[in-house]
Amino acid sequence: IIETDGLLEFTINGETIPGPETMI
């Protein structure tokens, strides 16, 4: 189970949106 902070970023039409805290 990996923390996504610093690994993943998500944007919609250039606007940043929050993503999940972990990936499994």
PDB file of all heavy atoms in Angstrom:
ATOM      1  N   ILE A   1       0.874  -1.174   0.000  1.00  0.00           N
ATOM      2  CA  ILE A   1       0.000   0.000   0.000  1.00  0.00           C
ATOM      3  C   ILE A   1       0.907   1.218   0.000  1.00  0.00           C
ATOM      4  O   ILE A   1       1.681   1.426   0.936  1.00  0.00           O
ATOM      5  CB  ILE A   1      -0.945   0.015   1.216  1.00  0.00           C
ATOM      6  CG1 ILE A   1      -1.860  -1.219   1.188  1.00  0.00           C
ATOM      7  CG2 ILE A   1      -1.781   1.296   1.217  1.00  0.00           C
ATOM      8  CD1 ILE A   1      -2.778  -1.314   2.383  1.00  0.00           C
ATOM      9  N   ILE A   2       0.838   2.020  -1.068  1.00  0.00           N
ATOM     10  CA  ILE A   2       1.775   3.116  -1.274  1.00  0.00           C
ATOM     11  C   ILE A   2       1.067   4.459  -1.125  1.00  0.00           C
ATOM     12  O   ILE A   2      -0.007   4.676  -1.700  1.00  0.00           O
ATOM     13  CB  ILE A   2       2.413   3.036  -2.679  1.00  0.00           C
ATOM     14  CG1 ILE A   2       3.094   1.683  -2.881  1.00  0.00           C
ATOM     15  CG2 ILE A   2       3.395   4.181  -2.892  1.00  0.00           C
ATOM     16  CD1 ILE A   2       4.261   1.426  -1.979  1.00  0.00           C
ATOM     17  N   GLU A   3       1.653   5.364  -0.349  1.00  0.00           N
ATOM     18  CA  GLU A   3       1.119   6.724  -0.251  1.00  0.00           C
ATOM     19  C   GLU A   3       1.388   7.463  -1.554  1.00  0.00           C
ATOM     20  O   GLU A   3       2.484   7.376  -2.120  1.00  0.00           O
ATOM     21  CB  GLU A   3       1.753   7.456   0.929  1.00  0.00           C
ATOM     22  CG  GLU A   3       1.363   6.876   2.287  1.00  0.00           C
ATOM     23  CD  GLU A   3       1.905   7.685   3.448  1.00  0.00           C
ATOM     24  OE1 GLU A   3       2.594   8.710   3.186  1.00  0.00           O
ATOM     25  OE2 GLU A   3       1.646   7.314   4.598  1.00  0.00           O
ATOM     26  N   THR A   4       0.403   8.188  -2.038  1.00  0.00           N
ATOM     27  CA  THR A   4       0.507   8.830  -3.344  1.00  0.00           C
ATOM     28  C   THR A   4       1.067  10.247  -3.281  1.00  0.00           C
ATOM     29  O   THR A   4       1.348  10.842  -4.325  1.00  0.00           O
ATOM     30  CB  THR A   4      -0.872   8.892  -4.022  1.00  0.00           C
ATOM     31  OG1 THR A   4      -1.778   9.633  -3.186  1.00  0.00           O
ATOM     32  CG2 THR A   4      -1.420   7.492  -4.251  1.00  0.00           C
ATOM     33  N   ASP A   5       1.243  10.787  -2.081  1.00  0.00           N
ATOM     34  CA  ASP A   5       1.763  12.149  -1.940  1.00  0.00           C
ATOM     35  C   ASP A   5       3.139  12.243  -2.594  1.00  0.00           C
ATOM     36  O   ASP A   5       4.056  11.493  -2.250  1.00  0.00           O
ATOM     37  CB  ASP A   5       1.851  12.533  -0.468  1.00  0.00           C
ATOM     38  CG  ASP A   5       2.265  13.989  -0.278  1.00  0.00           C
ATOM     39  OD1 ASP A   5       1.915  14.809  -1.143  1.00  0.00           O
ATOM     40  OD2 ASP A   5       2.941  14.300   0.727  1.00  0.00           O
ATOM     41  N   GLY A   6       3.289  13.149  -3.536  1.00  0.00           N
ATOM     42  CA  GLY A   6       4.551  13.301  -4.234  1.00  0.00           C
ATOM     43  C   GLY A   6       4.729  12.373  -5.411  1.00  0.00           C
ATOM     44  O   GLY A   6       5.709  12.480  -6.147  1.00  0.00           O
ATOM     45  N   LEU A   7       3.793  11.458  -5.604  1.00  0.00           N
ATOM     46  CA  LEU A   7       3.866  10.514  -6.720  1.00  0.00           C
ATOM     47  C   LEU A   7       2.832  10.804  -7.809  1.00  0.00           C
ATOM     48  O   LEU A   7       3.118  10.659  -8.986  1.00  0.00           O
ATOM     49  CB  LEU A   7       3.663   9.079  -6.226  1.00  0.00           C
ATOM     50  CG  LEU A   7       4.810   8.398  -5.493  1.00  0.00           C
ATOM     51  CD1 LEU A   7       4.389   6.993  -5.079  1.00  0.00           C
ATOM     52  CD2 LEU A   7       6.052   8.339  -6.363  1.00  0.00           C
ATOM     53  N   LEU A   8       1.616  11.168  -7.394  1.00  0.00           N
ATOM     54  CA  LEU A   8       0.514  11.333  -8.337  1.00  0.00           C
ATOM     55  C   LEU A   8      -0.074  12.734  -8.268  1.00  0.00           C
ATOM     56  O   LEU A   8      -0.235  13.294  -7.176  1.00  0.00           O
ATOM     57  CB  LEU A   8      -0.590  10.313  -8.059  1.00  0.00           C
ATOM     58  CG  LEU A   8      -0.337   8.873  -8.485  1.00  0.00           C
ATOM     59  CD1 LEU A   8      -1.402   7.961  -7.926  1.00  0.00           C
ATOM     60  CD2 LEU A   8      -0.284   8.754  -9.993  1.00  0.00           C
ATOM     61  N   GLU A   9      -0.406  13.271  -9.427  1.00  0.00           N
ATOM     62  CA  GLU A   9      -1.118  14.544  -9.510  1.00  0.00           C
ATOM     63  C   GLU A   9      -2.242  14.388 -10.535  1.00  0.00           C
ATOM     64  O   GLU A   9      -2.073  13.717 -11.556  1.00  0.00           O
ATOM     65  CB  GLU A   9      -0.180  15.678  -9.945  1.00  0.00           C
ATOM     66  CG  GLU A   9       0.917  15.987  -8.939  1.00  0.00           C
ATOM     67  CD  GLU A   9       1.851  17.087  -9.412  1.00  0.00           C
ATOM     68  OE1 GLU A   9       1.552  17.683 -10.484  1.00  0.00           O
ATOM     69  OE2 GLU A   9       2.861  17.332  -8.743  1.00  0.00           O
ATOM     70  N   PHE A  10      -3.382  15.006 -10.242  1.00  0.00           N
ATOM     71  CA  PHE A  10      -4.538  14.915 -11.129  1.00  0.00           C
ATOM     72  C   PHE A  10      -5.042  16.315 -11.453  1.00  0.00           C
ATOM     73  O   PHE A  10      -5.157  17.165 -10.561  1.00  0.00           O
ATOM     74  CB  PHE A  10      -5.671  14.131 -10.465  1.00  0.00           C
ATOM     75  CG  PHE A  10      -5.286  12.735 -10.044  1.00  0.00           C
ATOM     76  CD1 PHE A  10      -4.799  12.483  -8.777  1.00  0.00           C
ATOM     77  CD2 PHE A  10      -5.402  11.673 -10.927  1.00  0.00           C
ATOM     78  CE1 PHE A  10      -4.440  11.206  -8.381  1.00  0.00           C
ATOM     79  CE2 PHE A  10      -5.043  10.388 -10.555  1.00  0.00           C
ATOM     80  CZ  PHE A  10      -4.562  10.154  -9.272  1.00  0.00           C
ATOM     81  N   THR A  11      -5.351  16.559 -12.720  1.00  0.00           N
ATOM     82  CA  THR A  11      -5.965  17.820 -13.116  1.00  0.00           C
ATOM     83  C   THR A  11      -7.117  17.542 -14.065  1.00  0.00           C
ATOM     84  O   THR A  11      -7.125  16.532 -14.778  1.00  0.00           O
ATOM     85  CB  THR A  11      -4.969  18.759 -13.820  1.00  0.00           C
ATOM     86  OG1 THR A  11      -4.447  18.119 -14.990  1.00  0.00           O
ATOM     87  CG2 THR A  11      -3.815  19.137 -12.902  1.00  0.00           C
ATOM     88  N   ILE A  12      -8.095  18.428 -14.057  1.00  0.00           N
ATOM     89  CA  ILE A  12      -9.187  18.400 -15.034  1.00  0.00           C
ATOM     90  C   ILE A  12      -9.193  19.743 -15.742  1.00  0.00           C
ATOM     91  O   ILE A  12      -9.343  20.785 -15.095  1.00  0.00           O
ATOM     92  CB  ILE A  12     -10.544  18.135 -14.378  1.00  0.00           C
ATOM     93  CG1 ILE A  12     -10.595  16.725 -13.795  1.00  0.00           C
ATOM     94  CG2 ILE A  12     -11.680  18.308 -15.389  1.00  0.00           C
ATOM     95  CD1 ILE A  12     -11.907  16.365 -13.151  1.00  0.00           C
ATOM     96  N   ASN A  13      -8.988  19.707 -17.054  1.00  0.00           N
ATOM     97  CA  ASN A  13      -8.890  20.934 -17.840  1.00  0.00           C
ATOM     98  C   ASN A  13      -7.881  21.905 -17.237  1.00  0.00           C
ATOM     99  O   ASN A  13      -8.080  23.113 -17.227  1.00  0.00           O
ATOM    100  CB  ASN A  13     -10.255  21.598 -17.981  1.00  0.00           C
ATOM    101  CG  ASN A  13     -11.242  20.724 -18.720  1.00  0.00           C
ATOM    102  OD1 ASN A  13     -10.858  19.851 -19.496  1.00  0.00           O
ATOM    103  ND2 ASN A  13     -12.528  20.933 -18.482  1.00  0.00           N
ATOM    104  N   GLY A  14      -6.795  21.353 -16.691  1.00  0.00           N
ATOM    105  CA  GLY A  14      -5.720  22.173 -16.141  1.00  0.00           C
ATOM    106  C   GLY A  14      -5.876  22.549 -14.688  1.00  0.00           C
ATOM    107  O   GLY A  14      -4.954  23.089 -14.085  1.00  0.00           O
ATOM    108  N   GLU A  15      -7.022  22.256 -14.083  1.00  0.00           N
ATOM    109  CA  GLU A  15      -7.265  22.594 -12.678  1.00  0.00           C
ATOM    110  C   GLU A  15      -6.958  21.386 -11.801  1.00  0.00           C
ATOM    111  O   GLU A  15      -7.459  20.286 -12.033  1.00  0.00           O
ATOM    112  CB  GLU A  15      -8.715  23.043 -12.462  1.00  0.00           C
ATOM    113  CG  GLU A  15      -9.104  24.286 -13.245  1.00  0.00           C
ATOM    114  CD  GLU A  15      -8.383  25.541 -12.753  1.00  0.00           C
ATOM    115  OE1 GLU A  15      -7.925  25.532 -11.586  1.00  0.00           O
ATOM    116  OE2 GLU A  15      -8.277  26.509 -13.525  1.00  0.00           O
ATOM    117  N   THR A  16      -6.146  21.587 -10.776  1.00  0.00           N
ATOM    118  CA  THR A  16      -5.764  20.496  -9.886  1.00  0.00           C
ATOM    119  C   THR A  16      -6.954  20.031  -9.055  1.00  0.00           C
ATOM    120  O   THR A  16      -7.726  20.838  -8.542  1.00  0.00           O
ATOM    121  CB  THR A  16      -4.633  20.942  -8.940  1.00  0.00           C
ATOM    122  OG1 THR A  16      -3.504  21.340  -9.726  1.00  0.00           O
ATOM    123  CG2 THR A  16      -4.204  19.809  -8.013  1.00  0.00           C
ATOM    124  N   ILE A  17      -7.114  18.715  -8.946  1.00  0.00           N
ATOM    125  CA  ILE A  17      -8.151  18.139  -8.093  1.00  0.00           C
ATOM    126  C   ILE A  17      -7.493  17.170  -7.120  1.00  0.00           C
ATOM    127  O   ILE A  17      -6.420  16.625  -7.399  1.00  0.00           O
ATOM    128  CB  ILE A  17      -9.223  17.393  -8.922  1.00  0.00           C
ATOM    129  CG1 ILE A  17      -8.597  16.217  -9.699  1.00  0.00           C
ATOM    130  CG2 ILE A  17      -9.941  18.352  -9.865  1.00  0.00           C
ATOM    131  CD1 ILE A  17      -9.609  15.309 -10.364  1.00  0.00           C
ATOM    132  N   PRO A  18      -8.091  16.966  -5.958  1.00  0.00           N
ATOM    133  CA  PRO A  18      -7.512  16.021  -4.991  1.00  0.00           C
ATOM    134  C   PRO A  18      -7.635  14.587  -5.475  1.00  0.00           C
ATOM    135  O   PRO A  18      -8.604  14.225  -6.155  1.00  0.00           O
ATOM    136  CB  PRO A  18      -8.343  16.251  -3.728  1.00  0.00           C
ATOM    137  CG  PRO A  18      -9.645  16.810  -4.217  1.00  0.00           C
ATOM    138  CD  PRO A  18      -9.307  17.620  -5.430  1.00  0.00           C
ATOM    139  N   GLY A  19      -6.641  13.785  -5.157  1.00  0.00           N
ATOM    140  CA  GLY A  19      -6.661  12.374  -5.523  1.00  0.00           C
ATOM    141  C   GLY A  19      -6.649  11.502  -4.291  1.00  0.00           C
ATOM    142  O   GLY A  19      -6.661  11.994  -3.156  1.00  0.00           O
ATOM    143  N   PRO A  20      -6.620  10.198  -4.453  1.00  0.00           N
ATOM    144  CA  PRO A  20      -6.600   9.277  -3.310  1.00  0.00           C
ATOM    145  C   PRO A  20      -5.279   9.379  -2.557  1.00  0.00           C
ATOM    146  O   PRO A  20      -4.236   9.696  -3.129  1.00  0.00           O
ATOM    147  CB  PRO A  20      -6.761   7.904  -3.971  1.00  0.00           C
ATOM    148  CG  PRO A  20      -6.202   8.088  -5.350  1.00  0.00           C
ATOM    149  CD  PRO A  20      -6.559   9.490  -5.739  1.00  0.00           C
ATOM    150  N   GLU A  21      -5.316   9.091  -1.270  1.00  0.00           N
ATOM    151  CA  GLU A  21      -4.118   9.186  -0.442  1.00  0.00           C
ATOM    152  C   GLU A  21      -3.199   7.992  -0.632  1.00  0.00           C
ATOM    153  O   GLU A  21      -1.991   8.090  -0.405  1.00  0.00           O
ATOM    154  CB  GLU A  21      -4.504   9.311   1.039  1.00  0.00           C
ATOM    155  CG  GLU A  21      -5.255  10.594   1.362  1.00  0.00           C
ATOM    156  CD  GLU A  21      -5.596  10.697   2.842  1.00  0.00           C
ATOM    157  OE1 GLU A  21      -5.336   9.715   3.572  1.00  0.00           O
ATOM    158  OE2 GLU A  21      -6.103  11.748   3.251  1.00  0.00           O
ATOM    159  N   THR A  22      -3.758   6.865  -1.050  1.00  0.00           N
ATOM    160  CA  THR A  22      -2.947   5.663  -1.226  1.00  0.00           C
ATOM    161  C   THR A  22      -3.349   4.936  -2.501  1.00  0.00           C
ATOM    162  O   THR A  22      -4.430   5.161  -3.062  1.00  0.00           O
ATOM    163  CB  THR A  22      -3.110   4.680  -0.047  1.00  0.00           C
ATOM    164  OG1 THR A  22      -4.493   4.281   0.055  1.00  0.00           O
ATOM    165  CG2 THR A  22      -2.647   5.305   1.254  1.00  0.00           C
ATOM    166  N   MET A  23      -2.473   4.074  -2.974  1.00  0.00           N
ATOM    167  CA  MET A  23      -2.808   3.138  -4.047  1.00  0.00           C
ATOM    168  C   MET A  23      -2.364   1.757  -3.570  1.00  0.00           C
ATOM    169  O   MET A  23      -1.386   1.622  -2.820  1.00  0.00           O
ATOM    170  CB  MET A  23      -2.137   3.524  -5.362  1.00  0.00           C
ATOM    171  CG  MET A  23      -0.637   3.639  -5.342  1.00  0.00           C
ATOM    172  SD  MET A  23      -0.015   4.208  -6.959  1.00  0.00           S
ATOM    173  CE  MET A  23       1.766   4.129  -6.696  1.00  0.00           C
ATOM    174  N   ILE A  24      -3.085   0.729  -3.995  1.00  0.00           N
ATOM    175  CA  ILE A  24      -2.864  -0.606  -3.455  1.00  0.00           C
ATOM    176  C   ILE A  24      -2.452  -1.571  -4.571  1.00  0.00           C
ATOM    177  O   ILE A  24      -2.995  -1.527  -5.672  1.00  0.00           O
ATOM    178  CB  ILE A  24      -4.118  -1.127  -2.726  1.00  0.00           C
ATOM    179  CG1 ILE A  24      -3.850  -2.483  -2.079  1.00  0.00           C
ATOM    180  CG2 ILE A  24      -5.312  -1.199  -3.665  1.00  0.00           C
ATOM    181  CD1 ILE A  24      -4.944  -2.923  -1.124  1.00  0.00           C
TER     182      ILE A  24
END
